Amino acid sequence: MPVKAKRALAAIAQPPHKKPVLRAGDVAAMSTVKFGGVTVVMPTPTPAQLKKRIAESSQMADRLIRAIAKPGIKLSLKKTTPVFVADSENPKLVIRKLDGKRTRGEFQNGVFVAIK
C-alpha cells in the first residue's frame, strides 16, 4: 500500500475525539449516504472497521429481537391503582382489577360503573 494511502487510512481510523491528520497530498476516500433529504459525506471505513460495525449491528439486532419477542409488558403498580382489561365474555364490558378484586363493568361518561 502506498505511503499516502496508509497515512490517509491511519487518519480515518483515529478515535472520533481526535481530528484526522492528513498531510498535503493525502486523499481520504469519501462515501456519500442519503437518508431522505439528508446527505452525509464521510470518510470511507476500512474493511476492518466495516467488519467490526457489522458484528456490533448483528449483536444489537439479536438483543432487540430477544427483547421484543417476550409477550406483554411488566407494570409496577401500587395495589390501589386500578387496571382495566377487556372482558373476553362480553366485548361491551371491561374488568377492573383493584385491591386484588376483579369487578365487571362499563364506563359511563368517563366513570367506571360496576355491573351487578
PDB file of N, CA and C in Angstrom:
ATOM      1  N   MET A   1       0.851  -1.176   0.000  1.00  0.00           N
ATOM      2  CA  MET A   1       0.000   0.000   0.000  1.00  0.00           C
ATOM      3  C   MET A   1       0.894   1.235   0.000  1.00  0.00           C
ATOM      4  N   PRO A   2       0.575   2.216  -0.845  1.00  0.00           N
ATOM      5  CA  PRO A   2       1.392   3.433  -0.892  1.00  0.00           C
ATOM      6  C   PRO A   2       1.359   4.170   0.445  1.00  0.00           C
ATOM      7  N   VAL A   3       2.441   4.905   0.713  1.00  0.00           N
ATOM      8  CA  VAL A   3       2.578   5.619   1.983  1.00  0.00           C
ATOM      9  C   VAL A   3       1.439   6.616   2.183  1.00  0.00           C
ATOM     10  N   LYS A   4       1.051   7.350   1.149  1.00  0.00           N
ATOM     11  CA  LYS A   4      -0.020   8.338   1.288  1.00  0.00           C
ATOM     12  C   LYS A   4      -1.335   7.655   1.663  1.00  0.00           C
ATOM     13  N   ALA A   5      -1.593   6.505   1.073  1.00  0.00           N
ATOM     14  CA  ALA A   5      -2.831   5.779   1.382  1.00  0.00           C
ATOM     15  C   ALA A   5      -2.811   5.288   2.823  1.00  0.00           C
ATOM     16  N   LYS A   6      -1.652   4.801   3.291  1.00  0.00           N
ATOM     17  CA  LYS A   6      -1.535   4.341   4.678  1.00  0.00           C
ATOM     18  C   LYS A   6      -1.807   5.479   5.652  1.00  0.00           C
ATOM     19  N   ARG A   7      -1.239   6.667   5.361  1.00  0.00           N
ATOM     20  CA  ARG A   7      -1.455   7.816   6.234  1.00  0.00           C
ATOM     21  C   ARG A   7      -2.924   8.240   6.230  1.00  0.00           C
ATOM     22  N   ALA A   8      -3.562   8.183   5.062  1.00  0.00           N
ATOM     23  CA  ALA A   8      -4.976   8.552   4.970  1.00  0.00           C
ATOM     24  C   ALA A   8      -5.827   7.585   5.783  1.00  0.00           C
ATOM     25  N   LEU A   9      -5.541   6.287   5.676  1.00  0.00           N
ATOM     26  CA  LEU A   9      -6.291   5.292   6.438  1.00  0.00           C
ATOM     27  C   LEU A   9      -6.049   5.448   7.934  1.00  0.00           C
ATOM     28  N   ALA A  10      -4.814   5.721   8.320  1.00  0.00           N
ATOM     29  CA  ALA A  10      -4.499   5.914   9.736  1.00  0.00           C
ATOM     30  C   ALA A  10      -5.251   7.121  10.284  1.00  0.00           C
ATOM     31  N   ALA A  11      -5.374   8.174   9.483  1.00  0.00           N
ATOM     32  CA  ALA A  11      -6.085   9.370   9.922  1.00  0.00           C
ATOM     33  C   ALA A  11      -7.567   9.075  10.108  1.00  0.00           C
ATOM     34  N   ILE A  12      -8.137   8.287   9.225  1.00  0.00           N
ATOM     35  CA  ILE A  12      -9.558   7.943   9.315  1.00  0.00           C
ATOM     36  C   ILE A  12      -9.819   7.042  10.507  1.00  0.00           C
ATOM     37  N   ALA A  13      -8.896   6.140  10.821  1.00  0.00           N
ATOM     38  CA  ALA A  13      -9.086   5.146  11.875  1.00  0.00           C
ATOM     39  C   ALA A  13      -8.899   5.717  13.278  1.00  0.00           C
ATOM     40  N   GLN A  14      -8.538   6.988  13.402  1.00  0.00           N
ATOM     41  CA  GLN A  14      -8.348   7.570  14.726  1.00  0.00           C
ATOM     42  C   GLN A  14      -9.683   7.643  15.462  1.00  0.00           C
ATOM     43  N   PRO A  15      -9.660   7.596  16.806  1.00  0.00           N
ATOM     44  CA  PRO A  15     -10.896   7.731  17.575  1.00  0.00           C
ATOM     45  C   PRO A  15     -11.607   9.031  17.230  1.00  0.00           C
ATOM     46  N   PRO A  16     -12.958   9.073  17.365  1.00  0.00           N
ATOM     47  CA  PRO A  16     -13.712  10.249  16.953  1.00  0.00           C
ATOM     48  C   PRO A  16     -13.371  11.538  17.686  1.00  0.00           C
ATOM     49  N   HIS A  17     -12.798  11.457  18.907  1.00  0.00           N
ATOM     50  CA  HIS A  17     -12.480  12.682  19.633  1.00  0.00           C
ATOM     51  C   HIS A  17     -11.223  13.360  19.095  1.00  0.00           C
ATOM     52  N   LYS A  18     -10.486  12.674  18.222  1.00  0.00           N
ATOM     53  CA  LYS A  18      -9.303  13.273  17.618  1.00  0.00           C
ATOM     54  C   LYS A  18      -9.616  13.644  16.175  1.00  0.00           C
ATOM     55  N   LYS A  19      -9.155  14.796  15.744  1.00  0.00           N
ATOM     56  CA  LYS A  19      -9.361  15.193  14.358  1.00  0.00           C
ATOM     57  C   LYS A  19      -8.399  14.406  13.475  1.00  0.00           C
ATOM     58  N   PRO A  20      -8.863  13.948  12.318  1.00  0.00           N
ATOM     59  CA  PRO A  20      -7.962  13.249  11.410  1.00  0.00           C
ATOM     60  C   PRO A  20      -6.827  14.170  10.967  1.00  0.00           C
ATOM     61  N   VAL A  21      -5.643  13.614  10.880  1.00  0.00           N
ATOM     62  CA  VAL A  21      -4.487  14.389  10.459  1.00  0.00           C
ATOM     63  C   VAL A  21      -4.102  13.921   9.066  1.00  0.00           C
ATOM     64  N   LEU A  22      -4.342  14.763   8.093  1.00  0.00           N
ATOM     65  CA  LEU A  22      -3.966  14.457   6.716  1.00  0.00           C
ATOM     66  C   LEU A  22      -2.854  15.411   6.302  1.00  0.00           C
ATOM     67  N   ARG A  23      -1.842  14.867   5.700  1.00  0.00           N
ATOM     68  CA  ARG A  23      -0.735  15.696   5.217  1.00  0.00           C
ATOM     69  C   ARG A  23      -1.042  16.151   3.796  1.00  0.00           C
ATOM     70  N   ALA A  24      -0.333  17.155   3.348  1.00  0.00           N
ATOM     71  CA  ALA A  24      -0.529  17.661   1.994  1.00  0.00           C
ATOM     72  C   ALA A  24      -0.378  16.509   0.996  1.00  0.00           C
ATOM     73  N   GLY A  25      -1.310  16.377   0.120  1.00  0.00           N
ATOM     74  CA  GLY A  25      -1.248  15.323  -0.889  1.00  0.00           C
ATOM     75  C   GLY A  25      -1.998  14.061  -0.499  1.00  0.00           C
ATOM     76  N   ASP A  26      -2.341  13.922   0.803  1.00  0.00           N
ATOM     77  CA  ASP A  26      -3.108  12.746   1.226  1.00  0.00           C
ATOM     78  C   ASP A  26      -4.558  12.911   0.762  1.00  0.00           C
ATOM     79  N   VAL A  27      -5.133  11.838   0.322  1.00  0.00           N
ATOM     80  CA  VAL A  27      -6.521  11.873  -0.110  1.00  0.00           C
ATOM     81  C   VAL A  27      -7.252  10.736   0.591  1.00  0.00           C
ATOM     82  N   ALA A  28      -8.263  11.077   1.368  1.00  0.00           N
ATOM     83  CA  ALA A  28      -9.080  10.066   2.028  1.00  0.00           C
ATOM     84  C   ALA A  28     -10.292   9.802   1.140  1.00  0.00           C
ATOM     85  N   ALA A  29     -10.567   8.538   0.885  1.00  0.00           N
ATOM     86  CA  ALA A  29     -11.738   8.187   0.092  1.00  0.00           C
ATOM     87  C   ALA A  29     -12.974   8.564   0.889  1.00  0.00           C
ATOM     88  N   MET A  30     -13.934   9.166   0.222  1.00  0.00           N
ATOM     89  CA  MET A  30     -15.143   9.620   0.890  1.00  0.00           C
ATOM     90  C   MET A  30     -16.348   8.821   0.382  1.00  0.00           C
ATOM     91  N   SER A  31     -17.314   8.632   1.274  1.00  0.00           N
ATOM     92  CA  SER A  31     -18.562   7.963   0.925  1.00  0.00           C
ATOM     93  C   SER A  31     -19.698   8.941   1.157  1.00  0.00           C
ATOM     94  N   THR A  32     -20.737   8.840   0.346  1.00  0.00           N
ATOM     95  CA  THR A  32     -21.918   9.671   0.492  1.00  0.00           C
ATOM     96  C   THR A  32     -23.102   8.756   0.787  1.00  0.00           C
ATOM     97  N   VAL A  33     -23.834   9.072   1.849  1.00  0.00           N
ATOM     98  CA  VAL A  33     -25.010   8.296   2.244  1.00  0.00           C
ATOM     99  C   VAL A  33     -26.181   9.259   2.322  1.00  0.00           C
ATOM    100  N   LYS A  34     -27.323   8.867   1.725  1.00  0.00           N
ATOM    101  CA  LYS A  34     -28.512   9.720   1.749  1.00  0.00           C
ATOM    102  C   LYS A  34     -29.610   9.054   2.557  1.00  0.00           C
ATOM    103  N   PHE A  35     -30.240   9.817   3.454  1.00  0.00           N
ATOM    104  CA  PHE A  35     -31.394   9.402   4.248  1.00  0.00           C
ATOM    105  C   PHE A  35     -32.501  10.412   3.963  1.00  0.00           C
ATOM    106  N   GLY A  36     -33.373  10.114   3.035  1.00  0.00           N
ATOM    107  CA  GLY A  36     -34.418  11.072   2.687  1.00  0.00           C
ATOM    108  C   GLY A  36     -33.791  12.349   2.175  1.00  0.00           C
ATOM    109  N   GLY A  37     -34.039  13.468   2.861  1.00  0.00           N
ATOM    110  CA  GLY A  37     -33.492  14.749   2.441  1.00  0.00           C
ATOM    111  C   GLY A  37     -32.150  15.067   3.051  1.00  0.00           C
ATOM    112  N   VAL A  38     -31.568  14.134   3.798  1.00  0.00           N
ATOM    113  CA  VAL A  38     -30.291  14.380   4.465  1.00  0.00           C
ATOM    114  C   VAL A  38     -29.190  13.627   3.731  1.00  0.00           C
ATOM    115  N   THR A  39     -28.111  14.320   3.442  1.00  0.00           N
ATOM    116  CA  THR A  39     -26.953  13.708   2.801  1.00  0.00           C
ATOM    117  C   THR A  39     -25.762  13.815   3.740  1.00  0.00           C
ATOM    118  N   VAL A  40     -25.109  12.685   3.979  1.00  0.00           N
ATOM    119  CA  VAL A  40     -23.940  12.642   4.860  1.00  0.00           C
ATOM    120  C   VAL A  40     -22.736  12.226   4.026  1.00  0.00           C
ATOM    121  N   VAL A  41     -21.681  13.024   4.091  1.00  0.00           N
ATOM    122  CA  VAL A  41     -20.431  12.698   3.423  1.00  0.00           C
ATOM    123  C   VAL A  41     -19.407  12.416   4.503  1.00  0.00           C
ATOM    124  N   MET A  42     -18.782  11.247   4.419  1.00  0.00           N
ATOM    125  CA  MET A  42     -17.853  10.835   5.468  1.00  0.00           C
ATOM    126  C   MET A  42     -16.724  10.015   4.869  1.00  0.00           C
ATOM    127  N   PRO A  43     -15.623   9.884   5.610  1.00  0.00           N
ATOM    128  CA  PRO A  43     -14.531   9.029   5.125  1.00  0.00           C
ATOM    129  C   PRO A  43     -15.019   7.588   5.001  1.00  0.00           C
ATOM    130  N   THR A  44     -14.619   6.933   3.945  1.00  0.00           N
ATOM    131  CA  THR A  44     -14.997   5.538   3.731  1.00  0.00           C
ATOM    132  C   THR A  44     -14.304   4.668   4.772  1.00  0.00           C
ATOM    133  N   PRO A  45     -15.066   3.825   5.493  1.00  0.00           N
ATOM    134  CA  PRO A  45     -14.447   2.979   6.508  1.00  0.00           C
ATOM    135  C   PRO A  45     -13.584   1.891   5.877  1.00  0.00           C
ATOM    136  N   THR A  46     -12.605   1.470   6.645  1.00  0.00           N
ATOM    137  CA  THR A  46     -11.730   0.390   6.188  1.00  0.00           C
ATOM    138  C   THR A  46     -12.486  -0.936   6.282  1.00  0.00           C
ATOM    139  N   PRO A  47     -12.007  -1.974   5.615  1.00  0.00           N
ATOM    140  CA  PRO A  47     -12.659  -3.286   5.736  1.00  0.00           C
ATOM    141  C   PRO A  47     -12.727  -3.773   7.189  1.00  0.00           C
ATOM    142  N   ALA A  48     -11.700  -3.509   7.984  1.00  0.00           N
ATOM    143  CA  ALA A  48     -11.711  -3.924   9.394  1.00  0.00           C
ATOM    144  C   ALA A  48     -12.785  -3.165  10.170  1.00  0.00           C
ATOM    145  N   GLN A  49     -12.935  -1.871   9.894  1.00  0.00           N
ATOM    146  CA  GLN A  49     -13.962  -1.080  10.558  1.00  0.00           C
ATOM    147  C   GLN A  49     -15.355  -1.573  10.167  1.00  0.00           C
ATOM    148  N   LEU A  50     -15.528  -1.867   8.882  1.00  0.00           N
ATOM    149  CA  LEU A  50     -16.818  -2.393   8.423  1.00  0.00           C
ATOM    150  C   LEU A  50     -17.158  -3.707   9.110  1.00  0.00           C
ATOM    151  N   LYS A  51     -16.183  -4.603   9.184  1.00  0.00           N
ATOM    152  CA  LYS A  51     -16.404  -5.910   9.814  1.00  0.00           C
ATOM    153  C   LYS A  51     -16.817  -5.731  11.273  1.00  0.00           C
ATOM    154  N   LYS A  52     -16.134  -4.825  11.986  1.00  0.00           N
ATOM    155  CA  LYS A  52     -16.451  -4.577  13.388  1.00  0.00           C
ATOM    156  C   LYS A  52     -17.858  -4.003  13.543  1.00  0.00           C
ATOM    157  N   ARG A  53     -18.222  -3.018  12.714  1.00  0.00           N
ATOM    158  CA  ARG A  53     -19.549  -2.392  12.800  1.00  0.00           C
ATOM    159  C   ARG A  53     -20.657  -3.382  12.452  1.00  0.00           C
ATOM    160  N   ILE A  54     -20.418  -4.248  11.461  1.00  0.00           N
ATOM    161  CA  ILE A  54     -21.420  -5.251  11.098  1.00  0.00           C
ATOM    162  C   ILE A  54     -21.622  -6.228  12.247  1.00  0.00           C
ATOM    163  N   ALA A  55     -20.547  -6.641  12.901  1.00  0.00           N
ATOM    164  CA  ALA A  55     -20.661  -7.547  14.053  1.00  0.00           C
ATOM    165  C   ALA A  55     -21.431  -6.869  15.184  1.00  0.00           C
ATOM    166  N   GLU A  56     -21.131  -5.594  15.452  1.00  0.00           N
ATOM    167  CA  GLU A  56     -21.845  -4.859  16.501  1.00  0.00           C
ATOM    168  C   GLU A  56     -23.336  -4.720  16.165  1.00  0.00           C
ATOM    169  N   SER A  57     -23.632  -4.444  14.900  1.00  0.00           N
ATOM    170  CA  SER A  57     -25.026  -4.316  14.478  1.00  0.00           C
ATOM    171  C   SER A  57     -25.770  -5.635  14.629  1.00  0.00           C
ATOM    172  N   SER A  58     -25.118  -6.735  14.290  1.00  0.00           N
ATOM    173  CA  SER A  58     -25.739  -8.052  14.419  1.00  0.00           C
ATOM    174  C   SER A  58     -26.033  -8.372  15.880  1.00  0.00           C
ATOM    175  N   GLN A  59     -25.093  -8.061  16.768  1.00  0.00           N
ATOM    176  CA  GLN A  59     -25.307  -8.297  18.199  1.00  0.00           C
ATOM    177  C   GLN A  59     -26.470  -7.451  18.711  1.00  0.00           C
ATOM    178  N   MET A  60     -26.536  -6.205  18.280  1.00  0.00           N
ATOM    179  CA  MET A  60     -27.616  -5.319  18.704  1.00  0.00           C
ATOM    180  C   MET A  60     -28.961  -5.833  18.196  1.00  0.00           C
ATOM    181  N   ALA A  61     -29.007  -6.294  16.957  1.00  0.00           N
ATOM    182  CA  ALA A  61     -30.248  -6.835  16.397  1.00  0.00           C
ATOM    183  C   ALA A  61     -30.692  -8.073  17.175  1.00  0.00           C
ATOM    184  N   ASP A  62     -29.749  -8.934  17.537  1.00  0.00           N
ATOM    185  CA  ASP A  62     -30.079 -10.128  18.326  1.00  0.00           C
ATOM    186  C   ASP A  62     -30.683  -9.746  19.673  1.00  0.00           C
ATOM    187  N   ARG A  63     -30.084  -8.746  20.351  1.00  0.00           N
ATOM    188  CA  ARG A  63     -30.616  -8.303  21.643  1.00  0.00           C
ATOM    189  C   ARG A  63     -32.010  -7.695  21.486  1.00  0.00           C
ATOM    190  N   LEU A  64     -32.210  -6.938  20.417  1.00  0.00           N
ATOM    191  CA  LEU A  64     -33.506  -6.329  20.174  1.00  0.00           C
ATOM    192  C   LEU A  64     -34.569  -7.398  19.926  1.00  0.00           C
ATOM    193  N   ILE A  65     -34.245  -8.400  19.125  1.00  0.00           N
ATOM    194  CA  ILE A  65     -35.200  -9.473  18.827  1.00  0.00           C
ATOM    195  C   ILE A  65     -35.576 -10.213  20.102  1.00  0.00           C
ATOM    196  N   ARG A  66     -34.594 -10.505  20.950  1.00  0.00           N
ATOM    197  CA  ARG A  66     -34.897 -11.192  22.215  1.00  0.00           C
ATOM    198  C   ARG A  66     -35.793 -10.330  23.105  1.00  0.00           C
ATOM    199  N   ALA A  67     -35.562  -9.032  23.104  1.00  0.00           N
ATOM    200  CA  ALA A  67     -36.337  -8.136  23.972  1.00  0.00           C
ATOM    201  C   ALA A  67     -37.778  -8.004  23.500  1.00  0.00           C
ATOM    202  N   ILE A  68     -37.986  -7.874  22.195  1.00  0.00           N
ATOM    203  CA  ILE A  68     -39.351  -7.664  21.723  1.00  0.00           C
ATOM    204  C   ILE A  68     -40.110  -8.967  21.508  1.00  0.00           C
ATOM    205  N   ALA A  69     -39.418 -10.090  21.583  1.00  0.00           N
ATOM    206  CA  ALA A  69     -40.082 -11.379  21.402  1.00  0.00           C
ATOM    207  C   ALA A  69     -40.860 -11.799  22.644  1.00  0.00           C
ATOM    208  N   LYS A  70     -40.573 -11.176  23.786  1.00  0.00           N
ATOM    209  CA  LYS A  70     -41.276 -11.506  25.019  1.00  0.00           C
ATOM    210  C   LYS A  70     -42.645 -10.842  24.999  1.00  0.00           C
ATOM    211  N   PRO A  71     -43.724 -11.626  25.104  1.00  0.00           N
ATOM    212  CA  PRO A  71     -45.056 -11.027  25.044  1.00  0.00           C
ATOM    213  C   PRO A  71     -45.385 -10.230  26.300  1.00  0.00           C
ATOM    214  N   GLY A  72     -46.214  -9.222  26.117  1.00  0.00           N
ATOM    215  CA  GLY A  72     -46.713  -8.443  27.248  1.00  0.00           C
ATOM    216  C   GLY A  72     -45.711  -7.428  27.760  1.00  0.00           C
ATOM    217  N   ILE A  73     -46.162  -6.714  28.757  1.00  0.00           N
ATOM    218  CA  ILE A  73     -45.317  -5.724  29.422  1.00  0.00           C
ATOM    219  C   ILE A  73     -45.420  -5.935  30.921  1.00  0.00           C
ATOM    220  N   LYS A  74     -44.469  -5.429  31.641  1.00  0.00           N
ATOM    221  CA  LYS A  74     -44.494  -5.521  33.096  1.00  0.00           C
ATOM    222  C   LYS A  74     -44.777  -4.128  33.649  1.00  0.00           C
ATOM    223  N   LEU A  75     -45.808  -4.048  34.472  1.00  0.00           N
ATOM    224  CA  LEU A  75     -46.152  -2.783  35.110  1.00  0.00           C
ATOM    225  C   LEU A  75     -45.891  -2.876  36.603  1.00  0.00           C
ATOM    226  N   SER A  76     -45.224  -1.906  37.140  1.00  0.00           N
ATOM    227  CA  SER A  76     -45.003  -1.845  38.580  1.00  0.00           C
ATOM    228  C   SER A  76     -46.011  -0.848  39.147  1.00  0.00           C
ATOM    229  N   LEU A  77     -47.162  -1.372  39.536  1.00  0.00           N
ATOM    230  CA  LEU A  77     -48.234  -0.513  40.027  1.00  0.00           C
ATOM    231  C   LEU A  77     -48.521  -0.784  41.489  1.00  0.00           C
ATOM    232  N   LYS A  78     -49.007   0.245  42.165  1.00  0.00           N
ATOM    233  CA  LYS A  78     -49.439   0.079  43.545  1.00  0.00           C
ATOM    234  C   LYS A  78     -50.738  -0.724  43.550  1.00  0.00           C
ATOM    235  N   LYS A  79     -51.021  -1.373  44.659  1.00  0.00           N
ATOM    236  CA  LYS A  79     -52.227  -2.179  44.780  1.00  0.00           C
ATOM    237  C   LYS A  79     -53.481  -1.330  44.618  1.00  0.00           C
ATOM    238  N   THR A  80     -53.379  -0.051  44.915  1.00  0.00           N
ATOM    239  CA  THR A  80     -54.533   0.851  44.835  1.00  0.00           C
ATOM    240  C   THR A  80     -54.731   1.463  43.441  1.00  0.00           C
ATOM    241  N   THR A  81     -53.903   1.061  42.477  1.00  0.00           N
ATOM    242  CA  THR A  81     -54.042   1.572  41.118  1.00  0.00           C
ATOM    243  C   THR A  81     -54.937   0.626  40.323  1.00  0.00           C
ATOM    244  N   PRO A  82     -56.057   1.121  39.776  1.00  0.00           N
ATOM    245  CA  PRO A  82     -56.929   0.239  39.007  1.00  0.00           C
ATOM    246  C   PRO A  82     -56.327  -0.093  37.644  1.00  0.00           C
ATOM    247  N   VAL A  83     -56.546  -1.333  37.207  1.00  0.00           N
ATOM    248  CA  VAL A  83     -56.120  -1.776  35.886  1.00  0.00           C
ATOM    249  C   VAL A  83     -57.368  -2.297  35.182  1.00  0.00           C
ATOM    250  N   PHE A  84     -57.595  -1.822  33.967  1.00  0.00           N
ATOM    251  CA  PHE A  84     -58.774  -2.214  33.210  1.00  0.00           C
ATOM    252  C   PHE A  84     -58.356  -3.083  32.032  1.00  0.00           C
ATOM    253  N   VAL A  85     -59.062  -4.200  31.854  1.00  0.00           N
ATOM    254  CA  VAL A  85     -58.815  -5.099  30.724  1.00  0.00           C
ATOM    255  C   VAL A  85     -60.155  -5.411  30.069  1.00  0.00           C
ATOM    256  N   ALA A  86     -60.107  -5.810  28.802  1.00  0.00           N
ATOM    257  CA  ALA A  86     -61.334  -6.158  28.086  1.00  0.00           C
ATOM    258  C   ALA A  86     -61.925  -7.437  28.665  1.00  0.00           C
ATOM    259  N   ASP A  87     -63.242  -7.489  28.712  1.00  0.00           N
ATOM    260  CA  ASP A  87     -63.960  -8.680  29.178  1.00  0.00           C
ATOM    261  C   ASP A  87     -64.074  -9.629  27.989  1.00  0.00           C
ATOM    262  N   SER A  88     -63.486 -10.807  28.109  1.00  0.00           N
ATOM    263  CA  SER A  88     -63.490 -11.760  26.997  1.00  0.00           C
ATOM    264  C   SER A  88     -64.876 -12.352  26.753  1.00  0.00           C
ATOM    265  N   GLU A  89     -65.760 -12.301  27.737  1.00  0.00           N
ATOM    266  CA  GLU A  89     -67.106 -12.852  27.585  1.00  0.00           C
ATOM    267  C   GLU A  89     -68.081 -11.848  26.971  1.00  0.00           C
ATOM    268  N   ASN A  90     -67.839 -10.556  27.198  1.00  0.00           N
ATOM    269  CA  ASN A  90     -68.733  -9.529  26.674  1.00  0.00           C
ATOM    270  C   ASN A  90     -67.884  -8.347  26.212  1.00  0.00           C
ATOM    271  N   PRO A  91     -67.765  -8.129  24.899  1.00  0.00           N
ATOM    272  CA  PRO A  91     -66.887  -7.069  24.398  1.00  0.00           C
ATOM    273  C   PRO A  91     -67.340  -5.660  24.762  1.00  0.00           C
ATOM    274  N   LYS A  92     -68.568  -5.504  25.279  1.00  0.00           N
ATOM    275  CA  LYS A  92     -69.052  -4.181  25.677  1.00  0.00           C
ATOM    276  C   LYS A  92     -68.615  -3.821  27.097  1.00  0.00           C
ATOM    277  N   LEU A  93     -68.068  -4.796  27.823  1.00  0.00           N
ATOM    278  CA  LEU A  93     -67.684  -4.586  29.224  1.00  0.00           C
ATOM    279  C   LEU A  93     -66.177  -4.623  29.405  1.00  0.00           C
ATOM    280  N   VAL A  94     -65.753  -4.123  30.550  1.00  0.00           N
ATOM    281  CA  VAL A  94     -64.341  -4.207  30.956  1.00  0.00           C
ATOM    282  C   VAL A  94     -64.294  -4.820  32.345  1.00  0.00           C
ATOM    283  N   ILE A  95     -63.122  -5.285  32.710  1.00  0.00           N
ATOM    284  CA  ILE A  95     -62.906  -5.818  34.057  1.00  0.00           C
ATOM    285  C   ILE A  95     -61.915  -4.895  34.746  1.00  0.00           C
ATOM    286  N   ARG A  96     -62.289  -4.432  35.926  1.00  0.00           N
ATOM    287  CA  ARG A  96     -61.406  -3.576  36.728  1.00  0.00           C
ATOM    288  C   ARG A  96     -60.746  -4.447  37.783  1.00  0.00           C
ATOM    289  N   LYS A  97     -59.407  -4.398  37.809  1.00  0.00           N
ATOM    290  CA  LYS A  97     -58.641  -5.102  38.848  1.00  0.00           C
ATOM    291  C   LYS A  97     -58.158  -4.042  39.823  1.00  0.00           C
ATOM    292  N   LEU A  98     -58.631  -4.143  41.082  1.00  0.00           N
ATOM    293  CA  LEU A  98     -58.294  -3.139  42.086  1.00  0.00           C
ATOM    294  C   LEU A  98     -58.262  -3.793  43.456  1.00  0.00           C
ATOM    295  N   ASP A  99     -57.188  -3.579  44.182  1.00  0.00           N
ATOM    296  CA  ASP A  99     -57.020  -4.142  45.537  1.00  0.00           C
ATOM    297  C   ASP A  99     -57.236  -5.656  45.566  1.00  0.00           C
ATOM    298  N   GLY A 100     -56.805  -6.337  44.519  1.00  0.00           N
ATOM    299  CA  GLY A 100     -56.934  -7.796  44.470  1.00  0.00           C
ATOM    300  C   GLY A 100     -58.324  -8.280  44.083  1.00  0.00           C
ATOM    301  N   LYS A 101     -59.248  -7.376  43.774  1.00  0.00           N
ATOM    302  CA  LYS A 101     -60.609  -7.745  43.392  1.00  0.00           C
ATOM    303  C   LYS A 101     -60.818  -7.468  41.913  1.00  0.00           C
ATOM    304  N   ARG A 102     -61.640  -8.326  41.273  1.00  0.00           N
ATOM    305  CA  ARG A 102     -61.989  -8.152  39.863  1.00  0.00           C
ATOM    306  C   ARG A 102     -63.476  -7.790  39.777  1.00  0.00           C
ATOM    307  N   THR A 103     -63.758  -6.678  39.120  1.00  0.00           N
ATOM    308  CA  THR A 103     -65.136  -6.203  39.012  1.00  0.00           C
ATOM    309  C   THR A 103     -65.458  -5.944  37.546  1.00  0.00           C
ATOM    310  N   ARG A 104     -66.568  -6.528  37.067  1.00  0.00           N
ATOM    311  CA  ARG A 104     -67.015  -6.283  35.700  1.00  0.00           C
ATOM    312  C   ARG A 104     -67.844  -5.011  35.681  1.00  0.00           C
ATOM    313  N   GLY A 105     -67.686  -4.253  34.593  1.00  0.00           N
ATOM    314  CA  GLY A 105     -68.458  -3.029  34.492  1.00  0.00           C
ATOM    315  C   GLY A 105     -68.257  -2.352  33.159  1.00  0.00           C
ATOM    316  N   GLU A 106     -68.655  -1.098  33.103  1.00  0.00           N
ATOM    317  CA  GLU A 106     -68.529  -0.303  31.883  1.00  0.00           C
ATOM    318  C   GLU A 106     -68.262   1.141  32.269  1.00  0.00           C
ATOM    319  N   PHE A 107     -67.850   1.906  31.284  1.00  0.00           N
ATOM    320  CA  PHE A 107     -67.621   3.330  31.519  1.00  0.00           C
ATOM    321  C   PHE A 107     -68.847   4.102  31.042  1.00  0.00           C
ATOM    322  N   GLN A 108     -69.353   4.962  31.914  1.00  0.00           N
ATOM    323  CA  GLN A 108     -70.460   5.848  31.572  1.00  0.00           C
ATOM    324  C   GLN A 108     -70.009   7.266  31.858  1.00  0.00           C
ATOM    325  N   ASN A 109     -69.951   8.074  30.812  1.00  0.00           N
ATOM    326  CA  ASN A 109     -69.470   9.465  30.921  1.00  0.00           C
ATOM    327  C   ASN A 109     -68.088   9.526  31.550  1.00  0.00           C
ATOM    328  N   GLY A 110     -67.220   8.563  31.195  1.00  0.00           N
ATOM    329  CA  GLY A 110     -65.845   8.543  31.687  1.00  0.00           C
ATOM    330  C   GLY A 110     -65.665   7.997  33.086  1.00  0.00           C
ATOM    331  N   VAL A 111     -66.742   7.471  33.687  1.00  0.00           N
ATOM    332  CA  VAL A 111     -66.668   6.937  35.053  1.00  0.00           C
ATOM    333  C   VAL A 111     -66.984   5.449  35.007  1.00  0.00           C
ATOM    334  N   PHE A 112     -66.173   4.635  35.692  1.00  0.00           N
ATOM    335  CA  PHE A 112     -66.428   3.190  35.755  1.00  0.00           C
ATOM    336  C   PHE A 112     -67.652   2.918  36.619  1.00  0.00           C
ATOM    337  N   VAL A 113     -68.578   2.121  36.065  1.00  0.00           N
ATOM    338  CA  VAL A 113     -69.781   1.736  36.791  1.00  0.00           C
ATOM    339  C   VAL A 113     -69.835   0.210  36.790  1.00  0.00           C
ATOM    340  N   ALA A 114     -69.868  -0.364  37.995  1.00  0.00           N
ATOM    341  CA  ALA A 114     -69.888  -1.831  38.136  1.00  0.00           C
ATOM    342  C   ALA A 114     -71.225  -2.379  37.696  1.00  0.00           C
ATOM    343  N   ILE A 115     -71.204  -3.550  37.051  1.00  0.00           N
ATOM    344  CA  ILE A 115     -72.405  -4.254  36.621  1.00  0.00           C
ATOM    345  C   ILE A 115     -72.705  -5.311  37.681  1.00  0.00           C
ATOM    346  N   LYS A 116     -73.940  -5.360  38.121  1.00  0.00           N
ATOM    347  CA  LYS A 116     -74.291  -6.314  39.183  1.00  0.00           C
ATOM    348  C   LYS A 116     -74.904  -7.551  38.616  1.00  0.00           C
TER     349      LYS A 116
END
